[in-house]
N, C-alpha and C. Protein backbone atom coordinates (compact mmCIF):
# COMPACT_ATOMS: atom_id res chain seq x y z
N MET A 1 3.50 54.37 -54.66
CA MET A 1 2.85 53.61 -53.58
C MET A 1 2.60 52.33 -54.06
N GLU A 2 2.90 51.17 -53.48
CA GLU A 2 2.52 49.78 -53.64
C GLU A 2 0.99 49.50 -53.47
N GLU A 3 0.28 48.87 -54.43
CA GLU A 3 -1.07 48.49 -54.07
C GLU A 3 -1.07 47.06 -53.33
N GLN A 4 -1.75 46.87 -52.28
CA GLN A 4 -1.80 45.85 -51.51
C GLN A 4 -2.73 44.92 -52.07
N THR A 5 -2.47 43.65 -52.10
CA THR A 5 -3.38 42.51 -52.63
C THR A 5 -3.95 41.92 -51.38
N PRO A 6 -5.22 41.92 -51.25
CA PRO A 6 -5.80 41.15 -50.01
C PRO A 6 -5.36 39.66 -49.92
N PHE A 7 -5.13 39.39 -48.80
CA PHE A 7 -4.71 37.95 -48.60
C PHE A 7 -5.93 37.06 -48.58
N LYS A 8 -5.81 36.04 -49.40
CA LYS A 8 -6.81 34.98 -49.38
C LYS A 8 -6.42 33.72 -48.75
N SER A 9 -7.16 33.43 -47.77
CA SER A 9 -6.89 32.03 -47.24
C SER A 9 -7.53 30.90 -48.03
N PHE A 10 -6.84 29.82 -47.95
CA PHE A 10 -7.10 28.67 -48.91
C PHE A 10 -8.45 28.07 -48.23
N VAL A 11 -9.35 27.79 -49.07
CA VAL A 11 -10.59 27.18 -48.75
C VAL A 11 -10.41 25.74 -48.56
N LYS A 12 -11.10 25.00 -47.59
CA LYS A 12 -11.13 23.57 -47.39
C LYS A 12 -11.97 22.93 -48.24
N THR A 13 -11.66 21.71 -48.97
CA THR A 13 -12.54 20.96 -49.70
C THR A 13 -13.24 19.92 -48.96
N THR A 14 -14.43 19.45 -49.53
CA THR A 14 -15.31 18.45 -48.85
C THR A 14 -14.40 17.15 -48.55
N LYS A 15 -13.49 16.75 -49.46
CA LYS A 15 -12.57 15.73 -49.25
C LYS A 15 -11.68 15.85 -48.06
N GLN A 16 -11.14 17.20 -47.98
CA GLN A 16 -10.14 17.37 -46.77
C GLN A 16 -10.92 17.39 -45.46
N VAL A 17 -12.21 17.89 -45.46
CA VAL A 17 -13.02 17.76 -44.19
C VAL A 17 -13.30 16.39 -43.96
N ILE A 18 -13.63 15.45 -44.84
CA ILE A 18 -13.77 14.04 -44.70
C ILE A 18 -12.52 13.45 -44.02
N GLN A 19 -11.52 13.78 -44.65
CA GLN A 19 -10.05 13.26 -44.16
C GLN A 19 -9.81 13.67 -42.65
N GLU A 20 -10.20 14.94 -42.38
CA GLU A 20 -9.84 15.36 -41.02
C GLU A 20 -10.93 14.69 -39.90
N LEU A 21 -12.03 14.55 -40.38
CA LEU A 21 -13.01 13.91 -39.63
C LEU A 21 -12.68 12.40 -39.21
N GLU A 22 -12.16 11.85 -40.24
CA GLU A 22 -11.84 10.31 -40.05
C GLU A 22 -10.47 10.21 -39.20
N LYS A 23 -9.82 11.36 -39.06
CA LYS A 23 -8.82 10.99 -37.97
C LYS A 23 -9.05 11.21 -36.57
N ILE A 24 -10.30 11.55 -36.34
CA ILE A 24 -10.79 11.74 -34.98
C ILE A 24 -10.85 10.36 -34.24
N ALA A 25 -10.01 10.22 -33.31
CA ALA A 25 -10.04 8.82 -32.52
C ALA A 25 -9.73 9.24 -31.06
N ASN A 26 -10.34 8.54 -30.14
CA ASN A 26 -10.21 8.59 -28.78
C ASN A 26 -10.18 9.93 -28.29
N THR A 27 -11.25 10.69 -28.76
CA THR A 27 -11.34 12.20 -28.29
C THR A 27 -12.38 12.08 -27.13
N ASP A 28 -12.11 12.80 -25.99
CA ASP A 28 -13.04 12.88 -24.90
C ASP A 28 -14.38 13.35 -25.45
N VAL A 29 -15.36 12.54 -24.99
CA VAL A 29 -16.74 13.05 -25.47
C VAL A 29 -17.14 14.50 -25.25
N SER A 30 -16.66 15.09 -24.15
CA SER A 30 -16.98 16.40 -23.78
C SER A 30 -16.37 17.44 -24.88
N ASN A 31 -15.23 16.99 -25.53
CA ASN A 31 -14.62 17.94 -26.60
C ASN A 31 -14.95 17.47 -28.00
N PHE A 32 -15.82 16.38 -28.19
CA PHE A 32 -16.19 15.88 -29.45
C PHE A 32 -16.67 16.96 -30.39
N LYS A 33 -17.69 17.74 -29.82
CA LYS A 33 -18.24 18.71 -30.73
C LYS A 33 -17.33 19.73 -31.27
N ASP A 34 -16.25 20.32 -30.32
CA ASP A 34 -15.32 21.29 -30.70
C ASP A 34 -14.31 20.67 -31.66
N THR A 35 -14.00 19.40 -31.52
CA THR A 35 -13.14 18.66 -32.41
C THR A 35 -13.69 18.59 -33.88
N VAL A 36 -14.93 18.34 -33.86
CA VAL A 36 -15.73 18.24 -35.15
C VAL A 36 -15.74 19.57 -35.85
N GLU A 37 -16.08 20.52 -34.96
CA GLU A 37 -16.14 21.91 -35.61
C GLU A 37 -14.69 22.25 -36.20
N ASP A 38 -13.65 21.89 -35.50
CA ASP A 38 -12.40 22.31 -35.92
C ASP A 38 -12.01 21.69 -37.34
N ALA A 39 -12.48 20.44 -37.76
CA ALA A 39 -12.32 19.71 -38.90
C ALA A 39 -12.84 20.61 -39.98
N PHE A 40 -13.94 21.49 -39.67
CA PHE A 40 -14.67 22.07 -40.76
C PHE A 40 -14.07 23.50 -40.87
N ASP A 41 -12.89 23.94 -40.21
CA ASP A 41 -12.16 25.05 -40.34
C ASP A 41 -11.81 25.42 -41.77
N ARG A 42 -12.31 26.65 -42.22
CA ARG A 42 -11.96 27.16 -43.78
C ARG A 42 -12.96 26.45 -44.79
N TYR A 43 -13.93 25.56 -44.26
CA TYR A 43 -14.78 25.11 -45.15
C TYR A 43 -15.90 25.83 -45.34
N ASN A 44 -16.40 26.09 -46.49
CA ASN A 44 -17.76 27.13 -46.66
C ASN A 44 -18.49 26.61 -47.93
N VAL A 45 -19.63 26.96 -48.01
CA VAL A 45 -20.58 26.99 -49.28
C VAL A 45 -20.96 28.27 -49.48
N ASP A 46 -20.62 28.83 -50.59
CA ASP A 46 -21.06 30.30 -50.95
C ASP A 46 -20.77 31.34 -49.86
N GLY A 47 -19.63 30.95 -49.23
CA GLY A 47 -19.07 31.99 -48.21
C GLY A 47 -19.81 31.74 -46.89
N ILE A 48 -20.70 30.74 -46.63
CA ILE A 48 -21.19 30.51 -45.32
C ILE A 48 -20.54 29.39 -44.66
N GLU A 49 -20.14 29.69 -43.48
CA GLU A 49 -19.44 28.55 -42.69
C GLU A 49 -20.08 28.10 -41.47
N ASP A 50 -21.26 28.74 -41.07
CA ASP A 50 -22.02 28.34 -40.03
C ASP A 50 -22.48 26.86 -40.07
N LEU A 51 -22.36 26.06 -39.12
CA LEU A 51 -22.64 24.56 -39.11
C LEU A 51 -24.14 24.48 -38.52
N THR A 52 -24.95 23.59 -39.06
CA THR A 52 -26.31 23.25 -38.54
C THR A 52 -26.42 21.80 -38.46
N GLY A 53 -27.06 21.37 -37.41
CA GLY A 53 -27.22 19.99 -37.11
C GLY A 53 -26.82 19.56 -35.86
N PHE A 54 -26.08 20.33 -35.04
CA PHE A 54 -25.70 19.80 -33.68
C PHE A 54 -26.90 19.68 -32.86
N ASP A 55 -27.86 20.51 -32.85
CA ASP A 55 -28.99 20.46 -32.11
C ASP A 55 -29.74 19.19 -32.25
N SER A 56 -29.51 18.31 -33.26
CA SER A 56 -30.14 17.01 -33.58
C SER A 56 -29.34 15.73 -33.03
N TRP A 57 -28.15 16.22 -32.68
CA TRP A 57 -27.20 15.07 -32.14
C TRP A 57 -27.71 14.56 -30.80
N ALA A 58 -27.65 13.24 -30.83
CA ALA A 58 -28.04 12.39 -29.66
C ALA A 58 -27.05 12.72 -28.49
N ASP A 59 -27.50 12.62 -27.39
CA ASP A 59 -26.53 12.43 -26.26
C ASP A 59 -25.63 11.33 -26.29
N ILE A 60 -24.39 11.62 -26.68
CA ILE A 60 -23.46 10.54 -26.92
C ILE A 60 -22.50 10.16 -25.86
N SER A 61 -22.93 10.38 -24.71
CA SER A 61 -22.15 10.08 -23.48
C SER A 61 -22.23 8.61 -23.15
N LYS A 62 -23.11 7.88 -23.72
CA LYS A 62 -23.16 6.35 -23.37
C LYS A 62 -22.46 5.62 -24.37
N ASP A 63 -21.89 4.48 -24.22
CA ASP A 63 -21.34 3.66 -25.01
C ASP A 63 -22.14 3.19 -26.06
N GLY A 64 -21.66 3.28 -27.21
CA GLY A 64 -22.49 2.74 -28.46
C GLY A 64 -22.14 3.37 -29.68
N LYS A 65 -22.92 3.16 -30.81
CA LYS A 65 -22.66 3.69 -32.20
C LYS A 65 -23.64 4.72 -32.43
N TYR A 66 -23.21 5.71 -33.09
CA TYR A 66 -24.08 6.84 -33.34
C TYR A 66 -23.94 7.26 -34.85
N GLU A 67 -25.01 7.74 -35.42
CA GLU A 67 -24.96 8.33 -36.84
C GLU A 67 -25.33 9.78 -36.40
N LEU A 68 -24.35 10.79 -36.67
CA LEU A 68 -24.46 12.22 -36.45
C LEU A 68 -24.57 12.92 -37.80
N ASN A 69 -25.56 13.76 -37.94
CA ASN A 69 -25.62 14.51 -39.24
C ASN A 69 -25.24 15.96 -39.09
N LEU A 70 -24.41 16.61 -40.09
CA LEU A 70 -23.97 17.84 -39.77
C LEU A 70 -23.79 18.45 -41.25
N LYS A 71 -24.08 19.82 -41.35
CA LYS A 71 -23.83 20.40 -42.58
C LYS A 71 -23.62 21.92 -42.43
N VAL A 72 -23.07 22.59 -43.57
CA VAL A 72 -23.13 24.02 -43.44
C VAL A 72 -24.55 24.65 -43.71
N ASP A 73 -24.79 25.66 -42.89
CA ASP A 73 -26.14 26.19 -42.93
C ASP A 73 -26.56 26.83 -44.39
N HIS A 74 -26.56 26.13 -45.45
CA HIS A 74 -27.01 26.48 -46.71
C HIS A 74 -27.71 25.55 -47.53
N GLU A 75 -28.63 25.92 -48.25
CA GLU A 75 -29.58 25.06 -48.88
C GLU A 75 -28.91 23.99 -49.83
N ASP A 76 -27.82 24.38 -50.40
CA ASP A 76 -27.13 23.52 -51.24
C ASP A 76 -25.98 22.79 -50.71
N ALA A 77 -25.80 23.04 -49.43
CA ALA A 77 -24.67 22.26 -48.62
C ALA A 77 -24.72 20.74 -48.64
N TYR A 78 -23.70 20.11 -48.80
CA TYR A 78 -23.70 18.59 -48.68
C TYR A 78 -23.72 18.21 -47.13
N GLU A 79 -24.62 17.29 -46.81
CA GLU A 79 -24.83 16.96 -45.57
C GLU A 79 -24.02 15.77 -45.13
N PHE A 80 -23.05 15.71 -44.12
CA PHE A 80 -22.28 14.88 -43.70
C PHE A 80 -22.96 13.86 -42.72
N THR A 81 -22.73 12.50 -42.83
CA THR A 81 -23.13 11.60 -41.79
C THR A 81 -21.89 11.12 -41.22
N ILE A 82 -21.72 11.39 -39.93
CA ILE A 82 -20.52 10.95 -39.36
C ILE A 82 -20.86 9.82 -38.38
N TYR A 83 -20.34 8.75 -38.62
CA TYR A 83 -20.49 7.45 -37.81
C TYR A 83 -19.42 7.46 -36.82
N THR A 84 -20.02 7.38 -35.58
CA THR A 84 -19.13 7.55 -34.30
C THR A 84 -19.22 6.31 -33.42
N THR A 85 -18.29 5.78 -32.70
CA THR A 85 -18.41 4.99 -31.70
C THR A 85 -17.94 5.48 -30.38
N VAL A 86 -18.72 5.32 -29.36
CA VAL A 86 -18.32 5.88 -28.04
C VAL A 86 -18.09 4.48 -27.19
N GLN A 87 -16.83 4.67 -26.39
CA GLN A 87 -16.46 3.44 -25.68
C GLN A 87 -15.75 4.12 -24.40
N SER A 88 -16.04 3.92 -23.24
CA SER A 88 -15.34 4.52 -22.07
C SER A 88 -15.16 6.15 -22.19
N ASN A 89 -16.25 6.87 -22.42
CA ASN A 89 -16.15 8.24 -22.57
C ASN A 89 -15.25 8.77 -23.63
N LYS A 90 -14.95 8.02 -24.65
CA LYS A 90 -13.97 8.46 -25.72
C LYS A 90 -14.82 7.98 -27.07
N ALA A 91 -14.68 9.05 -27.87
CA ALA A 91 -15.30 9.00 -29.29
C ALA A 91 -14.52 8.85 -30.39
N THR A 92 -14.86 7.97 -31.30
CA THR A 92 -14.00 7.78 -32.47
C THR A 92 -14.91 7.75 -33.67
N VAL A 93 -14.33 8.47 -34.68
CA VAL A 93 -15.23 8.46 -35.97
C VAL A 93 -14.69 7.26 -36.78
N THR A 94 -15.79 6.45 -37.18
CA THR A 94 -15.39 5.19 -37.74
C THR A 94 -15.54 5.30 -39.32
N ASN A 95 -16.38 6.15 -39.81
CA ASN A 95 -16.68 6.57 -41.17
C ASN A 95 -17.49 7.74 -41.40
N VAL A 96 -17.33 8.34 -42.59
CA VAL A 96 -17.89 9.59 -42.87
C VAL A 96 -18.44 9.50 -44.26
N LEU A 97 -19.68 9.73 -44.36
CA LEU A 97 -20.41 9.71 -45.86
C LEU A 97 -21.10 11.16 -46.02
């Protein structure tokens, strides 16, 4: 009988998350949160994948520039600042630190 090796999915790096966030352009504001969450798919800190910070996000339905903070819900997790511009109900990430 063959021993089965459990399949391990590849973990996403911080650099890969930033690159995916920086690709977000002209996304409908109503889908922006989901699009940002998708960028964090397979990213974790010590096995924790839950994101925290969405509750502090401002209402981004108005045209303007926003600094949105988000991180994995772990005390040692890196906090991302997502610089976003909204124009005509479309959100574009301009920078991520």
